């Protein structure tokens, strides 16, 4: 996920422009959700999601071109297949901002692949190759575990489709669900935090979100369509808070309302805050450009003007900050949203 210090001008429609700074006075709402009868939905198992998070972290930093990255990718493919899902791998090559040529792969798993109506769950499964200088001075340039930033999001998406795959036919939701794990999201350039290196991609493209950029231009399965998408990014840390991000509101306001209202109805409004915050560059930018209205759920400070929690892009993002309660709030909310369709 890119820092919101200098965001590129993107063709997002209308007069909406990504701004360099957050809104100094983000909107706050306390309106009650519209009434809708809740349908019976299965329970999301936070212990299972926690275990999936720990398993990914145990491989070591999942940096493209590393043995840990390959091993973790193989594990994710095998685990998703074990749920009885239809699984696709999409290998691709890319160059990072510092000139490193990487081998990467996106992973797509489909539950109820023949269903006409579909919902997509996105997450990135790689980790940033180095800690950011200003935020982790003592350990700058060291690789990170990415426990919340990446692993928790993958784990929540995996547990959702595992849960769905165990339901009898009469308890199946009315939509197919796709887990789309994108690679090479986090090897991007930030001028404020990277010293002594040039951005070799400057003027020629965005060095962040390389996997989602590739998938959006080369969809797998071919001609893929979904009614909407949900990008999960940093959804596992203690005291998690999720605000309504700018691009999500601009491109998929009805989906934002669906998720936040559902969270409030089932008791998770302490996590899903009715607070509007500024736009960031994340995988959902490119997914929206591909025609799938997509929202971004990421851990945002509940107060103040910072965009990210202190652990973001530091070596502190390890299993010690992971909390089953946060993953339960996100996972159960999304399971309920799926069953409301």
C-alpha atoms as a PDB file:
ATOM      1  CA  UNK A   1       0.000   0.000   0.000  1.00  0.00           C
ATOM      2  CA  UNK A   2       1.379   3.341  -1.027  1.00  0.00           C
ATOM      3  CA  UNK A   3       1.878   6.262   1.326  1.00  0.00           C
ATOM      4  CA  UNK A   4      -0.554   9.103   0.497  1.00  0.00           C
ATOM      5  CA  UNK A   5       2.117  11.800   0.255  1.00  0.00           C
ATOM      6  CA  UNK A   6       2.094  12.210  -3.504  1.00  0.00           C
ATOM      7  CA  UNK A   7      -0.541  10.280  -5.358  1.00  0.00           C
ATOM      8  CA  UNK A   8      -0.639  10.094  -9.161  1.00  0.00           C
ATOM      9  CA  UNK A   9      -3.437  11.685 -11.105  1.00  0.00           C
ATOM     10  CA  UNK A  10      -5.663   8.816 -12.129  1.00  0.00           C
ATOM     11  CA  UNK A  11      -8.578   8.725 -14.526  1.00  0.00           C
ATOM     12  CA  UNK A  12     -11.197   7.887 -11.942  1.00  0.00           C
ATOM     13  CA  UNK A  13     -14.009   9.764 -13.562  1.00  0.00           C
ATOM     14  CA  UNK A  14     -15.633  13.135 -12.968  1.00  0.00           C
ATOM     15  CA  UNK A  15     -13.629  15.838 -11.297  1.00  0.00           C
ATOM     16  CA  UNK A  16     -12.344  13.548  -8.538  1.00  0.00           C
ATOM     17  CA  UNK A  17      -8.593  13.841  -8.013  1.00  0.00           C
ATOM     18  CA  UNK A  18      -6.391  11.966  -5.584  1.00  0.00           C
ATOM     19  CA  UNK A  19      -4.934  14.525  -3.234  1.00  0.00           C
ATOM     20  CA  UNK A  20      -1.549  14.538  -1.563  1.00  0.00           C
ATOM     21  CA  UNK A  21      -2.916  15.178   1.903  1.00  0.00           C
ATOM     22  CA  UNK A  22      -5.839  13.843   3.908  1.00  0.00           C
ATOM     23  CA  UNK A  23      -8.894  15.940   4.542  1.00  0.00           C
ATOM     24  CA  UNK A  24      -8.070  17.942   7.654  1.00  0.00           C
ATOM     25  CA  UNK A  25     -11.618  17.469   8.897  1.00  0.00           C
ATOM     26  CA  UNK A  26     -12.792  14.041   7.810  1.00  0.00           C
ATOM     27  CA  UNK A  27     -16.518  13.605   7.737  1.00  0.00           C
ATOM     28  CA  UNK A  28     -18.104  11.755  10.608  1.00  0.00           C
ATOM     29  CA  UNK A  29     -21.532  10.184  10.653  1.00  0.00           C
ATOM     30  CA  UNK A  30     -23.569   8.464  13.280  1.00  0.00           C
ATOM     31  CA  UNK A  31     -26.573   7.628  11.129  1.00  0.00           C
ATOM     32  CA  UNK A  32     -28.292   4.328  11.819  1.00  0.00           C
ATOM     33  CA  UNK A  33     -28.176   1.667   9.091  1.00  0.00           C
ATOM     34  CA  UNK A  34     -31.266   1.099   7.005  1.00  0.00           C
ATOM     35  CA  UNK A  35     -33.445  -1.730   8.236  1.00  0.00           C
ATOM     36  CA  UNK A  36     -32.944  -5.076   6.507  1.00  0.00           C
ATOM     37  CA  UNK A  37     -33.631  -8.513   7.887  1.00  0.00           C
ATOM     38  CA  UNK A  38     -30.451 -10.435   8.571  1.00  0.00           C
ATOM     39  CA  UNK A  39     -30.263 -13.827   6.957  1.00  0.00           C
ATOM     40  CA  UNK A  40     -28.761 -16.806   8.714  1.00  0.00           C
ATOM     41  CA  UNK A  41     -25.026 -16.965   8.005  1.00  0.00           C
ATOM     42  CA  UNK A  42     -22.356 -19.402   9.186  1.00  0.00           C
ATOM     43  CA  UNK A  43     -19.827 -18.408  11.843  1.00  0.00           C
ATOM     44  CA  UNK A  44     -16.411 -17.131  10.816  1.00  0.00           C
ATOM     45  CA  UNK A  45     -13.679 -18.994  12.719  1.00  0.00           C
ATOM     46  CA  UNK A  46     -11.099 -16.461  13.937  1.00  0.00           C
ATOM     47  CA  UNK A  47      -8.848 -19.221  15.329  1.00  0.00           C
ATOM     48  CA  UNK A  48      -8.556 -20.687  11.841  1.00  0.00           C
ATOM     49  CA  UNK A  49      -7.813 -17.259  10.334  1.00  0.00           C
ATOM     50  CA  UNK A  50      -5.160 -16.678  12.994  1.00  0.00           C
ATOM     51  CA  UNK A  51      -3.536 -20.013  12.123  1.00  0.00           C
ATOM     52  CA  UNK A  52      -3.482 -19.132   8.413  1.00  0.00           C
ATOM     53  CA  UNK A  53      -1.803 -15.844   9.289  1.00  0.00           C
ATOM     54  CA  UNK A  54       0.839 -17.561  11.431  1.00  0.00           C
ATOM     55  CA  UNK A  55       1.507 -20.134   8.718  1.00  0.00           C
ATOM     56  CA  UNK A  56       2.279 -17.453   6.142  1.00  0.00           C
ATOM     57  CA  UNK A  57       4.539 -15.563   8.547  1.00  0.00           C
ATOM     58  CA  UNK A  58       6.383 -18.790   9.412  1.00  0.00           C
ATOM     59  CA  UNK A  59       7.704 -19.004   5.846  1.00  0.00           C
ATOM     60  CA  UNK A  60       9.644 -15.784   6.474  1.00  0.00           C
ATOM     61  CA  UNK A  61       9.286 -12.469   4.621  1.00  0.00           C
ATOM     62  CA  UNK A  62       7.388 -13.177   1.405  1.00  0.00           C
ATOM     63  CA  UNK A  63       9.530 -11.005  -0.834  1.00  0.00           C
ATOM     64  CA  UNK A  64       9.363 -11.811  -4.560  1.00  0.00           C
ATOM     65  CA  UNK A  65      12.355 -13.836  -5.823  1.00  0.00           C
ATOM     66  CA  UNK A  66      12.898 -15.402  -2.385  1.00  0.00           C
ATOM     67  CA  UNK A  67      12.505 -19.052  -1.382  1.00  0.00           C
ATOM     68  CA  UNK A  68       9.994 -18.028   1.274  1.00  0.00           C
ATOM     69  CA  UNK A  69       7.878 -16.300  -1.363  1.00  0.00           C
ATOM     70  CA  UNK A  70       7.810 -19.380  -3.598  1.00  0.00           C
ATOM     71  CA  UNK A  71       7.070 -21.713  -0.698  1.00  0.00           C
ATOM     72  CA  UNK A  72       4.251 -19.568   0.639  1.00  0.00           C
ATOM     73  CA  UNK A  73       2.693 -19.250  -2.815  1.00  0.00           C
ATOM     74  CA  UNK A  74       2.755 -23.028  -3.200  1.00  0.00           C
ATOM     75  CA  UNK A  75       1.113 -23.391   0.209  1.00  0.00           C
ATOM     76  CA  UNK A  76      -1.673 -20.944  -0.669  1.00  0.00           C
ATOM     77  CA  UNK A  77      -2.430 -22.738  -3.936  1.00  0.00           C
ATOM     78  CA  UNK A  78      -2.506 -26.150  -2.249  1.00  0.00           C
ATOM     79  CA  UNK A  79      -4.652 -24.955   0.651  1.00  0.00           C
ATOM     80  CA  UNK A  80      -7.217 -23.292  -1.617  1.00  0.00           C
ATOM     81  CA  UNK A  81      -7.408 -26.440  -3.740  1.00  0.00           C
ATOM     82  CA  UNK A  82      -7.971 -28.473  -0.570  1.00  0.00           C
ATOM     83  CA  UNK A  83     -11.198 -26.508  -0.042  1.00  0.00           C
ATOM     84  CA  UNK A  84     -12.492 -27.885  -3.337  1.00  0.00           C
ATOM     85  CA  UNK A  85     -12.151 -24.547  -5.125  1.00  0.00           C
ATOM     86  CA  UNK A  86     -11.242 -23.971  -8.758  1.00  0.00           C
ATOM     87  CA  UNK A  87      -7.752 -22.446  -8.624  1.00  0.00           C
ATOM     88  CA  UNK A  88      -5.776 -20.550 -11.257  1.00  0.00           C
ATOM     89  CA  UNK A  89      -2.186 -19.337 -11.109  1.00  0.00           C
ATOM     90  CA  UNK A  90      -1.120 -16.295 -13.101  1.00  0.00           C
ATOM     91  CA  UNK A  91       2.668 -15.965 -13.268  1.00  0.00           C
ATOM     92  CA  UNK A  92       4.130 -12.683 -14.467  1.00  0.00           C
ATOM     93  CA  UNK A  93       7.386 -10.779 -14.508  1.00  0.00           C
ATOM     94  CA  UNK A  94       7.885  -7.140 -13.576  1.00  0.00           C
ATOM     95  CA  UNK A  95      10.539  -4.599 -12.739  1.00  0.00           C
ATOM     96  CA  UNK A  96      10.459  -2.772  -9.416  1.00  0.00           C
ATOM     97  CA  UNK A  97      11.315   0.901  -8.856  1.00  0.00           C
ATOM     98  CA  UNK A  98      14.956   0.006  -8.045  1.00  0.00           C
ATOM     99  CA  UNK A  99      15.476  -2.045 -11.194  1.00  0.00           C
ATOM    100  CA  UNK A 100      14.979  -5.494  -9.686  1.00  0.00           C
ATOM    101  CA  UNK A 101      13.415  -7.936 -12.120  1.00  0.00           C
ATOM    102  CA  UNK A 102      10.991 -10.130 -10.211  1.00  0.00           C
ATOM    103  CA  UNK A 103       9.075 -13.309 -10.890  1.00  0.00           C
ATOM    104  CA  UNK A 104       5.634 -13.124  -9.311  1.00  0.00           C
ATOM    105  CA  UNK A 105       2.217 -14.751  -9.527  1.00  0.00           C
ATOM    106  CA  UNK A 106      -1.373 -13.894  -8.814  1.00  0.00           C
ATOM    107  CA  UNK A 107      -3.552 -16.664  -7.400  1.00  0.00           C
ATOM    108  CA  UNK A 108      -7.294 -16.910  -8.105  1.00  0.00           C
ATOM    109  CA  UNK A 109      -9.651 -19.336  -6.349  1.00  0.00           C
ATOM    110  CA  UNK A 110     -13.359 -19.646  -7.160  1.00  0.00           C
ATOM    111  CA  UNK A 111     -16.183 -20.888  -4.951  1.00  0.00           C
ATOM    112  CA  UNK A 112     -19.292 -21.837  -6.957  1.00  0.00           C
ATOM    113  CA  UNK A 113     -17.466 -21.048 -10.216  1.00  0.00           C
ATOM    114  CA  UNK A 114     -20.576 -21.438 -12.389  1.00  0.00           C
ATOM    115  CA  UNK A 115     -22.677 -18.910 -10.455  1.00  0.00           C
ATOM    116  CA  UNK A 116     -23.626 -15.943 -12.629  1.00  0.00           C
ATOM    117  CA  UNK A 117     -23.529 -13.409  -9.790  1.00  0.00           C
ATOM    118  CA  UNK A 118     -20.084 -13.040  -8.215  1.00  0.00           C
ATOM    119  CA  UNK A 119     -18.335 -11.185  -5.414  1.00  0.00           C
ATOM    120  CA  UNK A 120     -14.539 -10.816  -5.373  1.00  0.00           C
ATOM    121  CA  UNK A 121     -12.287 -10.714  -2.321  1.00  0.00           C
ATOM    122  CA  UNK A 122      -8.841  -9.255  -3.015  1.00  0.00           C
ATOM    123  CA  UNK A 123      -5.676  -9.275  -0.889  1.00  0.00           C
ATOM    124  CA  UNK A 124      -1.945  -9.056  -1.558  1.00  0.00           C
ATOM    125  CA  UNK A 125       0.230 -11.925  -0.360  1.00  0.00           C
ATOM    126  CA  UNK A 126       3.735 -10.463  -0.723  1.00  0.00           C
ATOM    127  CA  UNK A 127       5.673  -8.418   1.827  1.00  0.00           C
ATOM    128  CA  UNK A 128       7.669  -5.218   1.500  1.00  0.00           C
ATOM    129  CA  UNK A 129      11.375  -6.065   1.132  1.00  0.00           C
ATOM    130  CA  UNK A 130      12.619  -3.441   3.604  1.00  0.00           C
ATOM    131  CA  UNK A 131      11.424  -1.419   6.578  1.00  0.00           C
ATOM    132  CA  UNK A 132      10.845   2.300   6.062  1.00  0.00           C
ATOM    133  CA  UNK A 133      13.543   4.577   7.412  1.00  0.00           C
ATOM    134  CA  UNK A 134      11.608   7.172   9.383  1.00  0.00           C
ATOM    135  CA  UNK A 135       9.312   4.666  11.036  1.00  0.00           C
ATOM    136  CA  UNK A 136      11.842   1.922  11.835  1.00  0.00           C
ATOM    137  CA  UNK A 137      15.230   3.647  12.043  1.00  0.00           C
ATOM    138  CA  UNK A 138      16.887   0.977  14.155  1.00  0.00           C
ATOM    139  CA  UNK A 139      15.962  -1.757  11.688  1.00  0.00           C
ATOM    140  CA  UNK A 140      15.674   0.142   8.441  1.00  0.00           C
ATOM    141  CA  UNK A 141      16.134  -1.847   5.266  1.00  0.00           C
ATOM    142  CA  UNK A 142      15.415  -5.142   7.041  1.00  0.00           C
ATOM    143  CA  UNK A 143      12.634  -7.323   5.586  1.00  0.00           C
ATOM    144  CA  UNK A 144       9.393  -7.623   7.516  1.00  0.00           C
ATOM    145  CA  UNK A 145       6.962 -10.342   8.516  1.00  0.00           C
ATOM    146  CA  UNK A 146       3.926  -8.491   7.146  1.00  0.00           C
ATOM    147  CA  UNK A 147       1.641 -10.223   9.650  1.00  0.00           C
ATOM    148  CA  UNK A 148      -1.185  -7.694   9.378  1.00  0.00           C
ATOM    149  CA  UNK A 149      -0.087  -6.064   6.115  1.00  0.00           C
ATOM    150  CA  UNK A 150      -0.831  -8.914   3.781  1.00  0.00           C
ATOM    151  CA  UNK A 151      -0.961 -12.134   5.776  1.00  0.00           C
ATOM    152  CA  UNK A 152      -4.041 -11.291   7.862  1.00  0.00           C
ATOM    153  CA  UNK A 153      -5.948 -10.181   4.766  1.00  0.00           C
ATOM    154  CA  UNK A 154      -5.101 -13.368   2.889  1.00  0.00           C
ATOM    155  CA  UNK A 155      -6.054 -15.388   5.961  1.00  0.00           C
ATOM    156  CA  UNK A 156      -9.469 -13.729   6.336  1.00  0.00           C
ATOM    157  CA  UNK A 157     -10.260 -14.274   2.655  1.00  0.00           C
ATOM    158  CA  UNK A 158      -9.145 -17.913   2.900  1.00  0.00           C
ATOM    159  CA  UNK A 159     -11.237 -18.567   5.997  1.00  0.00           C
ATOM    160  CA  UNK A 160     -14.302 -17.061   4.333  1.00  0.00           C
ATOM    161  CA  UNK A 161     -14.126 -19.420   1.363  1.00  0.00           C
ATOM    162  CA  UNK A 162     -13.197 -22.370   3.587  1.00  0.00           C
ATOM    163  CA  UNK A 163     -16.347 -21.670   5.599  1.00  0.00           C
ATOM    164  CA  UNK A 164     -18.455 -21.403   2.457  1.00  0.00           C
ATOM    165  CA  UNK A 165     -17.022 -24.614   1.045  1.00  0.00           C
ATOM    166  CA  UNK A 166     -18.227 -26.533   4.122  1.00  0.00           C
ATOM    167  CA  UNK A 167     -21.850 -25.468   3.831  1.00  0.00           C
ATOM    168  CA  UNK A 168     -24.478 -27.912   2.550  1.00  0.00           C
ATOM    169  CA  UNK A 169     -26.099 -26.937  -0.723  1.00  0.00           C
ATOM    170  CA  UNK A 170     -29.238 -25.619   0.985  1.00  0.00           C
ATOM    171  CA  UNK A 171     -27.066 -23.260   3.041  1.00  0.00           C
ATOM    172  CA  UNK A 172     -24.982 -21.964   0.127  1.00  0.00           C
ATOM    173  CA  UNK A 173     -25.131 -18.208  -0.565  1.00  0.00           C
ATOM    174  CA  UNK A 174     -26.779 -16.841  -3.697  1.00  0.00           C
ATOM    175  CA  UNK A 175     -23.468 -15.681  -5.191  1.00  0.00           C
ATOM    176  CA  UNK A 176     -20.172 -17.171  -6.214  1.00  0.00           C
ATOM    177  CA  UNK A 177     -17.157 -15.869  -4.330  1.00  0.00           C
ATOM    178  CA  UNK A 178     -13.677 -15.417  -5.757  1.00  0.00           C
ATOM    179  CA  UNK A 179     -10.491 -14.961  -3.767  1.00  0.00           C
ATOM    180  CA  UNK A 180      -7.947 -13.058  -5.856  1.00  0.00           C
ATOM    181  CA  UNK A 181      -4.526 -12.907  -4.210  1.00  0.00           C
ATOM    182  CA  UNK A 182      -2.348 -10.368  -5.980  1.00  0.00           C
ATOM    183  CA  UNK A 183       1.429 -10.322  -5.793  1.00  0.00           C
ATOM    184  CA  UNK A 184       4.118  -7.623  -5.812  1.00  0.00           C
ATOM    185  CA  UNK A 185       1.942  -4.977  -4.200  1.00  0.00           C
ATOM    186  CA  UNK A 186       4.424  -3.635  -1.703  1.00  0.00           C
ATOM    187  CA  UNK A 187       7.759  -3.059  -3.507  1.00  0.00           C
ATOM    188  CA  UNK A 188       7.127   0.599  -4.264  1.00  0.00           C
ATOM    189  CA  UNK A 189       9.041   3.869  -4.007  1.00  0.00           C
ATOM    190  CA  UNK A 190       8.320   6.549  -1.434  1.00  0.00           C
ATOM    191  CA  UNK A 191      10.486   9.656  -1.694  1.00  0.00           C
ATOM    192  CA  UNK A 192      10.055  10.579   1.966  1.00  0.00           C
ATOM    193  CA  UNK A 193      11.281   7.252   3.287  1.00  0.00           C
ATOM    194  CA  UNK A 194      13.763   5.815   0.799  1.00  0.00           C
ATOM    195  CA  UNK A 195      17.211   7.435   0.777  1.00  0.00           C
ATOM    196  CA  UNK A 196      19.862   7.212  -1.893  1.00  0.00           C
ATOM    197  CA  UNK A 197      17.827   5.412  -4.531  1.00  0.00           C
ATOM    198  CA  UNK A 198      16.200   6.657  -7.687  1.00  0.00           C
ATOM    199  CA  UNK A 199      12.758   5.676  -8.797  1.00  0.00           C
ATOM    200  CA  UNK A 200      13.489   4.064 -12.138  1.00  0.00           C
ATOM    201  CA  UNK A 201       9.774   3.845 -12.888  1.00  0.00           C
ATOM    202  CA  UNK A 202       9.179   7.568 -12.459  1.00  0.00           C
ATOM    203  CA  UNK A 203       7.122   8.862 -15.355  1.00  0.00           C
ATOM    204  CA  UNK A 204       6.523   5.403 -16.791  1.00  0.00           C
ATOM    205  CA  UNK A 205       4.173   3.797 -14.286  1.00  0.00           C
ATOM    206  CA  UNK A 206       3.324   3.071 -10.692  1.00  0.00           C
ATOM    207  CA  UNK A 207       5.775   0.787  -8.888  1.00  0.00           C
ATOM    208  CA  UNK A 208       3.155  -0.153  -6.316  1.00  0.00           C
ATOM    209  CA  UNK A 209       0.411  -2.733  -6.867  1.00  0.00           C
ATOM    210  CA  UNK A 210       2.211  -4.494  -9.692  1.00  0.00           C
ATOM    211  CA  UNK A 211       0.123  -7.655  -9.369  1.00  0.00           C
ATOM    212  CA  UNK A 212      -3.237  -5.903  -9.460  1.00  0.00           C
ATOM    213  CA  UNK A 213      -2.085  -3.789 -12.389  1.00  0.00           C
ATOM    214  CA  UNK A 214      -1.179  -6.944 -14.277  1.00  0.00           C
ATOM    215  CA  UNK A 215      -4.391  -8.772 -13.354  1.00  0.00           C
ATOM    216  CA  UNK A 216      -6.575  -5.797 -14.305  1.00  0.00           C
ATOM    217  CA  UNK A 217      -5.073  -5.838 -17.809  1.00  0.00           C
ATOM    218  CA  UNK A 218      -4.984  -9.647 -18.120  1.00  0.00           C
ATOM    219  CA  UNK A 219      -7.953 -10.914 -16.159  1.00  0.00           C
ATOM    220  CA  UNK A 220      -8.018 -14.484 -14.910  1.00  0.00           C
ATOM    221  CA  UNK A 221     -10.385 -16.121 -15.578  1.00  0.00           C
ATOM    222  CA  UNK A 222     -10.694 -14.395 -18.981  1.00  0.00           C
ATOM    223  CA  UNK A 223     -13.469 -11.789 -19.257  1.00  0.00           C
ATOM    224  CA  UNK A 224     -13.959 -11.968 -15.511  1.00  0.00           C
ATOM    225  CA  UNK A 225     -16.875 -10.016 -14.070  1.00  0.00           C
ATOM    226  CA  UNK A 226     -18.045  -9.453 -10.509  1.00  0.00           C
ATOM    227  CA  UNK A 227     -20.815  -7.296  -9.111  1.00  0.00           C
ATOM    228  CA  UNK A 228     -18.317  -5.760  -6.712  1.00  0.00           C
ATOM    229  CA  UNK A 229     -15.020  -6.366  -5.008  1.00  0.00           C
ATOM    230  CA  UNK A 230     -13.650  -5.986  -1.484  1.00  0.00           C
ATOM    231  CA  UNK A 231      -9.935  -5.349  -1.039  1.00  0.00           C
ATOM    232  CA  UNK A 232      -8.609  -6.508   2.327  1.00  0.00           C
ATOM    233  CA  UNK A 233      -5.346  -4.951   3.487  1.00  0.00           C
ATOM    234  CA  UNK A 234      -4.158  -4.866   7.112  1.00  0.00           C
ATOM    235  CA  UNK A 235      -7.162  -6.413   8.844  1.00  0.00           C
ATOM    236  CA  UNK A 236      -5.588  -8.345  11.707  1.00  0.00           C
ATOM    237  CA  UNK A 237      -4.014  -5.978  14.234  1.00  0.00           C
ATOM    238  CA  UNK A 238      -5.172  -5.235  17.761  1.00  0.00           C
ATOM    239  CA  UNK A 239      -7.564  -2.291  18.034  1.00  0.00           C
ATOM    240  CA  UNK A 240      -8.266  -2.387  14.316  1.00  0.00           C
ATOM    241  CA  UNK A 241     -10.309   0.447  12.851  1.00  0.00           C
ATOM    242  CA  UNK A 242     -11.669   0.765   9.332  1.00  0.00           C
ATOM    243  CA  UNK A 243     -12.802   4.074   7.892  1.00  0.00           C
ATOM    244  CA  UNK A 244     -14.545   4.830   4.609  1.00  0.00           C
ATOM    245  CA  UNK A 245     -11.709   5.576   2.201  1.00  0.00           C
ATOM    246  CA  UNK A 246     -12.004   8.183  -0.539  1.00  0.00           C
ATOM    247  CA  UNK A 247     -11.751   6.101  -3.709  1.00  0.00           C
ATOM    248  CA  UNK A 248     -14.052   3.497  -2.194  1.00  0.00           C
ATOM    249  CA  UNK A 249     -16.664   6.191  -1.609  1.00  0.00           C
ATOM    250  CA  UNK A 250     -16.192   7.628  -5.090  1.00  0.00           C
ATOM    251  CA  UNK A 251     -16.321   4.376  -7.028  1.00  0.00           C
ATOM    252  CA  UNK A 252     -18.362   1.993  -4.864  1.00  0.00           C
ATOM    253  CA  UNK A 253     -20.411   3.972  -2.359  1.00  0.00           C
ATOM    254  CA  UNK A 254     -23.224   1.410  -2.316  1.00  0.00           C
ATOM    255  CA  UNK A 255     -20.743  -1.322  -1.404  1.00  0.00           C
ATOM    256  CA  UNK A 256     -19.262   0.811   1.370  1.00  0.00           C
ATOM    257  CA  UNK A 257     -22.757   1.350   2.765  1.00  0.00           C
ATOM    258  CA  UNK A 258     -23.525  -2.367   2.482  1.00  0.00           C
ATOM    259  CA  UNK A 259     -20.440  -3.369   4.461  1.00  0.00           C
ATOM    260  CA  UNK A 260     -20.459  -0.649   7.120  1.00  0.00           C
ATOM    261  CA  UNK A 261     -24.197  -0.940   7.752  1.00  0.00           C
ATOM    262  CA  UNK A 262     -23.938  -4.712   8.061  1.00  0.00           C
ATOM    263  CA  UNK A 263     -21.050  -4.386  10.507  1.00  0.00           C
ATOM    264  CA  UNK A 264     -23.144  -2.038  12.647  1.00  0.00           C
ATOM    265  CA  UNK A 265     -26.098  -4.400  12.638  1.00  0.00           C
ATOM    266  CA  UNK A 266     -24.106  -7.378  13.871  1.00  0.00           C
ATOM    267  CA  UNK A 267     -22.209  -5.457  16.532  1.00  0.00           C
ATOM    268  CA  UNK A 268     -18.937  -4.378  14.930  1.00  0.00           C
ATOM    269  CA  UNK A 269     -19.352  -0.606  14.661  1.00  0.00           C
ATOM    270  CA  UNK A 270     -16.392  -0.184  17.024  1.00  0.00           C
ATOM    271  CA  UNK A 271     -14.265  -1.550  14.188  1.00  0.00           C
ATOM    272  CA  UNK A 272     -16.081  -0.182  11.128  1.00  0.00           C
ATOM    273  CA  UNK A 273     -16.236   3.531  11.858  1.00  0.00           C
ATOM    274  CA  UNK A 274     -18.747   5.814  10.156  1.00  0.00           C
ATOM    275  CA  UNK A 275     -15.913   8.189   9.311  1.00  0.00           C
ATOM    276  CA  UNK A 276     -14.873   9.308   5.823  1.00  0.00           C
ATOM    277  CA  UNK A 277     -11.139   9.642   5.147  1.00  0.00           C
ATOM    278  CA  UNK A 278      -9.003  10.585   2.153  1.00  0.00           C
ATOM    279  CA  UNK A 279      -7.979   8.524  -0.858  1.00  0.00           C
ATOM    280  CA  UNK A 280      -4.946   6.267  -0.984  1.00  0.00           C
ATOM    281  CA  UNK A 281      -3.300   4.321  -3.772  1.00  0.00           C
ATOM    282  CA  UNK A 282      -3.904   0.625  -3.187  1.00  0.00           C
ATOM    283  CA  UNK A 283      -4.843  -2.341  -5.345  1.00  0.00           C
ATOM    284  CA  UNK A 284      -8.461  -1.190  -5.524  1.00  0.00           C
ATOM    285  CA  UNK A 285      -7.423   1.728  -7.753  1.00  0.00           C
ATOM    286  CA  UNK A 286      -6.574  -0.604 -10.627  1.00  0.00           C
ATOM    287  CA  UNK A 287      -9.420  -3.002  -9.937  1.00  0.00           C
ATOM    288  CA  UNK A 288     -11.872  -0.115 -10.155  1.00  0.00           C
ATOM    289  CA  UNK A 289     -10.282   0.976 -13.416  1.00  0.00           C
ATOM    290  CA  UNK A 290     -10.935  -2.546 -14.720  1.00  0.00           C
ATOM    291  CA  UNK A 291     -14.650  -2.050 -14.130  1.00  0.00           C
ATOM    292  CA  UNK A 292     -15.225  -3.811 -10.807  1.00  0.00           C
ATOM    293  CA  UNK A 293     -16.551  -1.406  -8.124  1.00  0.00           C
ATOM    294  CA  UNK A 294     -14.203  -2.160  -5.236  1.00  0.00           C
ATOM    295  CA  UNK A 295     -13.774  -0.885  -1.697  1.00  0.00           C
ATOM    296  CA  UNK A 296     -10.629  -0.908   0.424  1.00  0.00           C
ATOM    297  CA  UNK A 297     -10.720  -2.130   4.030  1.00  0.00           C
ATOM    298  CA  UNK A 298      -7.488  -1.229   5.799  1.00  0.00           C
ATOM    299  CA  UNK A 299      -6.458  -0.368   9.350  1.00  0.00           C
ATOM    300  CA  UNK A 300      -6.751   3.399   9.824  1.00  0.00           C
ATOM    301  CA  UNK A 301      -6.117   5.334  13.043  1.00  0.00           C
ATOM    302  CA  UNK A 302      -9.401   6.150  14.751  1.00  0.00           C
ATOM    303  CA  UNK A 303      -8.227   9.676  15.579  1.00  0.00           C
ATOM    304  CA  UNK A 304      -5.741  12.214  14.243  1.00  0.00           C
ATOM    305  CA  UNK A 305      -4.476  12.877  10.752  1.00  0.00           C
ATOM    306  CA  UNK A 306      -2.199   9.870  10.210  1.00  0.00           C
ATOM    307  CA  UNK A 307      -3.190   7.447   7.484  1.00  0.00           C
ATOM    308  CA  UNK A 308      -1.604   4.302   8.925  1.00  0.00           C
ATOM    309  CA  UNK A 309      -0.949   2.698  12.295  1.00  0.00           C
ATOM    310  CA  UNK A 310       2.628   2.822  13.685  1.00  0.00           C
ATOM    311  CA  UNK A 311       3.353  -0.805  12.728  1.00  0.00           C
ATOM    312  CA  UNK A 312       2.768  -0.119   9.019  1.00  0.00           C
ATOM    313  CA  UNK A 313       5.840  -1.006   6.931  1.00  0.00           C
ATOM    314  CA  UNK A 314       7.986  -1.708   9.999  1.00  0.00           C
ATOM    315  CA  UNK A 315       9.414  -4.833  11.622  1.00  0.00           C
ATOM    316  CA  UNK A 316       6.795  -4.378  14.365  1.00  0.00           C
ATOM    317  CA  UNK A 317       4.257  -5.875  11.945  1.00  0.00           C
ATOM    318  CA  UNK A 318       4.658  -9.380  13.373  1.00  0.00           C
ATOM    319  CA  UNK A 319       2.444 -11.963  15.060  1.00  0.00           C
ATOM    320  CA  UNK A 320       2.587 -10.107  18.386  1.00  0.00           C
ATOM    321  CA  UNK A 321       0.117  -7.509  17.067  1.00  0.00           C
ATOM    322  CA  UNK A 322      -2.359  -9.960  15.541  1.00  0.00           C
ATOM    323  CA  UNK A 323      -5.738 -10.149  17.260  1.00  0.00           C
ATOM    324  CA  UNK A 324      -8.429 -12.716  16.587  1.00  0.00           C
ATOM    325  CA  UNK A 325     -11.111 -10.184  17.559  1.00  0.00           C
ATOM    326  CA  UNK A 326     -10.214  -7.865  14.689  1.00  0.00           C
ATOM    327  CA  UNK A 327     -10.181 -10.703  12.171  1.00  0.00           C
ATOM    328  CA  UNK A 328     -13.502 -11.938  13.531  1.00  0.00           C
ATOM    329  CA  UNK A 329     -15.060  -8.499  13.052  1.00  0.00           C
ATOM    330  CA  UNK A 330     -13.927  -8.320   9.423  1.00  0.00           C
ATOM    331  CA  UNK A 331     -14.549 -11.928   8.515  1.00  0.00           C
ATOM    332  CA  UNK A 332     -17.987 -12.224  10.106  1.00  0.00           C
ATOM    333  CA  UNK A 333     -19.096  -8.938   8.571  1.00  0.00           C
ATOM    334  CA  UNK A 334     -18.123 -10.084   5.083  1.00  0.00           C
ATOM    335  CA  UNK A 335     -19.715 -13.508   5.520  1.00  0.00           C
ATOM    336  CA  UNK A 336     -22.940 -11.740   6.503  1.00  0.00           C
ATOM    337  CA  UNK A 337     -22.659  -9.374   3.524  1.00  0.00           C
ATOM    338  CA  UNK A 338     -22.288 -12.357   1.198  1.00  0.00           C
ATOM    339  CA  UNK A 339     -25.340 -14.043   2.687  1.00  0.00           C
ATOM    340  CA  UNK A 340     -27.392 -10.874   2.309  1.00  0.00           C
ATOM    341  CA  UNK A 341     -26.997 -11.106  -1.475  1.00  0.00           C
END
